[in-house]
């Protein structure tokens, strides 16, 4: 991996590579795909999905190669002041380099700028290491989902108050 990793906001040119990277993480972990972003057709056009107020998708690149993503999205049905942490995936070769921590810091900062007070997320047991990282970041598990992400395959729901 190059030392010149750059984090930017998503551009249309990133769509295909990002969708491929996200699906490769699911494949790597043997995570269930039904009811997740893996089969969600919007995963192939994330630059369009994140072209709405109150949303952002950060993309990490090593040169021209997409190696990670993390963003915020005002998911329908979330309580006032809540935003969903979404599309948080890091390629195998980029894990353990601090990119995840940078993504989280950028998302906390951006959530506050947008005026959100809480960050919500959904995940899967297959991503157990990520769950423990979220808990260390102050996220608490919920007994039921918030909002309507459409990702019915996710059965871990977490929330963090940021303000």
Protein backbone atom coordinates (compact mmCIF):
# COMPACT_ATOMS: atom_id res chain seq x y z
CA UNK A 1 0.00 0.00 0.00
CA UNK A 2 1.19 3.48 -0.89
CA UNK A 3 1.85 6.04 1.84
CA UNK A 4 -0.23 8.60 -0.05
CA UNK A 5 -3.76 7.56 0.88
CA UNK A 6 -6.23 10.30 0.09
CA UNK A 7 -9.75 10.62 1.52
CA UNK A 8 -12.23 12.52 -0.64
CA UNK A 9 -15.98 12.59 -1.16
CA UNK A 10 -17.41 10.15 -3.68
CA UNK A 11 -17.40 10.97 -7.38
CA UNK A 12 -19.24 9.14 -10.17
CA UNK A 13 -15.90 7.74 -11.36
CA UNK A 14 -15.61 5.87 -8.02
CA UNK A 15 -18.95 4.03 -8.29
CA UNK A 16 -17.86 0.80 -9.97
CA UNK A 17 -14.65 0.29 -7.98
CA UNK A 18 -16.40 1.09 -4.70
CA UNK A 19 -19.26 -1.34 -5.36
CA UNK A 20 -16.74 -4.05 -6.18
CA UNK A 21 -14.71 -3.36 -3.02
CA UNK A 22 -17.82 -3.44 -0.80
CA UNK A 23 -18.94 -6.78 -2.24
CA UNK A 24 -15.43 -8.22 -1.87
CA UNK A 25 -15.56 -7.49 1.89
CA UNK A 26 -18.81 -9.48 2.15
CA UNK A 27 -17.22 -12.32 0.19
CA UNK A 28 -14.09 -12.26 2.36
CA UNK A 29 -16.11 -12.60 5.56
CA UNK A 30 -18.69 -15.01 4.16
CA UNK A 31 -21.37 -12.55 5.27
CA UNK A 32 -24.98 -13.12 4.24
CA UNK A 33 -25.90 -11.07 1.20
CA UNK A 34 -29.70 -11.13 1.06
CA UNK A 35 -31.29 -8.01 2.50
CA UNK A 36 -27.93 -6.15 2.51
CA UNK A 37 -26.03 -3.63 0.41
CA UNK A 38 -24.52 -6.59 -1.46
CA UNK A 39 -27.72 -7.06 -3.48
CA UNK A 40 -29.01 -3.49 -3.22
CA UNK A 41 -28.92 -2.06 -6.77
CA UNK A 42 -28.08 1.42 -5.44
CA UNK A 43 -24.66 0.08 -4.40
CA UNK A 44 -23.63 0.41 -8.05
CA UNK A 45 -24.49 4.14 -8.14
CA UNK A 46 -23.50 5.50 -4.74
CA UNK A 47 -22.49 8.92 -6.07
CA UNK A 48 -26.15 9.48 -7.01
CA UNK A 49 -27.44 8.09 -3.70
CA UNK A 50 -25.31 10.54 -1.73
CA UNK A 51 -26.35 13.56 -3.79
CA UNK A 52 -28.88 14.62 -1.14
CA UNK A 53 -28.74 17.19 1.65
CA UNK A 54 -27.45 15.92 4.98
CA UNK A 55 -25.45 13.08 3.44
CA UNK A 56 -21.80 12.46 2.61
CA UNK A 57 -19.76 9.46 1.50
CA UNK A 58 -16.01 9.54 2.05
CA UNK A 59 -13.80 7.36 -0.13
CA UNK A 60 -10.19 6.39 0.61
CA UNK A 61 -7.87 5.86 -2.34
CA UNK A 62 -4.37 4.50 -2.60
CA UNK A 63 -3.39 6.15 -5.86
CA UNK A 64 -6.35 5.37 -8.12
CA UNK A 65 -7.42 2.28 -6.17
CA UNK A 66 -10.48 2.55 -3.90
CA UNK A 67 -9.56 0.97 -0.55
CA UNK A 68 -12.36 2.12 1.75
CA UNK A 69 -15.52 4.09 2.32
CA UNK A 70 -17.65 5.47 5.13
CA UNK A 71 -20.51 7.93 5.14
CA UNK A 72 -23.60 9.44 6.65
CA UNK A 73 -27.12 9.21 5.28
CA UNK A 74 -30.42 10.67 6.56
CA UNK A 75 -32.26 7.35 6.37
CA UNK A 76 -36.03 7.61 6.07
CA UNK A 77 -37.87 7.14 9.35
CA UNK A 78 -34.99 7.92 11.70
CA UNK A 79 -35.88 10.09 14.72
CA UNK A 80 -35.20 13.82 14.52
CA UNK A 81 -31.47 14.58 14.80
CA UNK A 82 -30.39 11.05 13.87
CA UNK A 83 -28.29 10.01 10.88
CA UNK A 84 -27.13 6.58 9.76
CA UNK A 85 -23.45 5.65 9.50
CA UNK A 86 -23.34 3.76 6.22
CA UNK A 87 -21.07 2.04 3.71
CA UNK A 88 -18.22 1.61 6.22
CA UNK A 89 -15.97 -0.88 4.45
CA UNK A 90 -12.19 -1.17 4.26
CA UNK A 91 -10.36 -3.49 1.88
CA UNK A 92 -8.24 -6.25 3.42
CA UNK A 93 -4.91 -4.66 2.57
CA UNK A 94 -5.93 -1.33 4.13
CA UNK A 95 -7.18 -2.65 7.47
CA UNK A 96 -5.05 -1.82 10.48
CA UNK A 97 -3.62 1.32 8.90
CA UNK A 98 -5.76 3.87 10.78
CA UNK A 99 -8.08 4.61 7.87
CA UNK A 100 -11.10 3.44 9.85
CA UNK A 101 -10.29 5.84 12.69
CA UNK A 102 -9.91 8.69 10.18
CA UNK A 103 -13.26 7.82 8.63
CA UNK A 104 -14.96 7.83 12.04
CA UNK A 105 -13.43 11.20 12.96
CA UNK A 106 -14.52 12.72 9.65
CA UNK A 107 -18.04 11.35 10.07
CA UNK A 108 -18.39 12.62 13.66
CA UNK A 109 -17.21 16.06 12.56
CA UNK A 110 -19.50 16.13 9.53
CA UNK A 111 -22.50 14.88 11.52
CA UNK A 112 -22.10 17.79 13.93
CA UNK A 113 -21.77 20.24 11.01
CA UNK A 114 -25.01 18.86 9.57
CA UNK A 115 -26.67 19.37 12.97
CA UNK A 116 -27.18 15.71 13.90
CA UNK A 117 -27.14 14.65 17.56
CA UNK A 118 -27.04 10.86 17.18
CA UNK A 119 -25.39 8.39 14.81
CA UNK A 120 -27.16 5.09 14.15
CA UNK A 121 -25.76 2.06 12.35
CA UNK A 122 -26.75 -1.42 11.24
CA UNK A 123 -24.42 -4.39 10.89
CA UNK A 124 -24.10 -8.17 10.80
CA UNK A 125 -22.57 -10.71 13.22
CA UNK A 126 -20.08 -11.66 10.48
CA UNK A 127 -18.46 -8.26 11.02
CA UNK A 128 -17.75 -8.96 14.70
CA UNK A 129 -14.45 -7.07 14.80
CA UNK A 130 -16.21 -3.95 13.52
CA UNK A 131 -18.90 -4.34 16.19
CA UNK A 132 -16.28 -4.33 18.94
CA UNK A 133 -14.70 -1.22 17.42
CA UNK A 134 -18.09 0.53 17.38
CA UNK A 135 -18.58 -0.38 21.04
CA UNK A 136 -15.16 1.06 21.91
CA UNK A 137 -16.24 4.23 20.07
CA UNK A 138 -19.26 4.54 22.39
CA UNK A 139 -21.98 2.93 20.28
CA UNK A 140 -24.55 0.95 22.25
CA UNK A 141 -26.57 -1.96 20.90
CA UNK A 142 -30.32 -1.54 20.41
CA UNK A 143 -32.99 -4.23 20.59
CA UNK A 144 -34.69 -3.16 17.34
CA UNK A 145 -33.87 -1.16 14.21
CA UNK A 146 -34.52 2.55 13.75
CA UNK A 147 -35.71 3.98 10.46
CA UNK A 148 -36.23 2.15 7.20
CA UNK A 149 -32.89 1.35 5.57
CA UNK A 150 -34.40 -1.52 3.60
CA UNK A 151 -31.53 -3.76 4.70
CA UNK A 152 -33.56 -6.43 6.41
CA UNK A 153 -30.59 -8.81 6.59
CA UNK A 154 -28.91 -6.67 9.24
CA UNK A 155 -29.69 -7.77 12.78
CA UNK A 156 -27.32 -5.64 14.83
CA UNK A 157 -28.40 -2.06 15.48
CA UNK A 158 -26.32 0.49 17.36
CA UNK A 159 -26.60 4.13 18.43
CA UNK A 160 -24.20 6.81 19.67
CA UNK A 161 -25.02 10.25 21.00
CA UNK A 162 -22.54 12.78 19.60
CA UNK A 163 -23.85 16.08 20.98
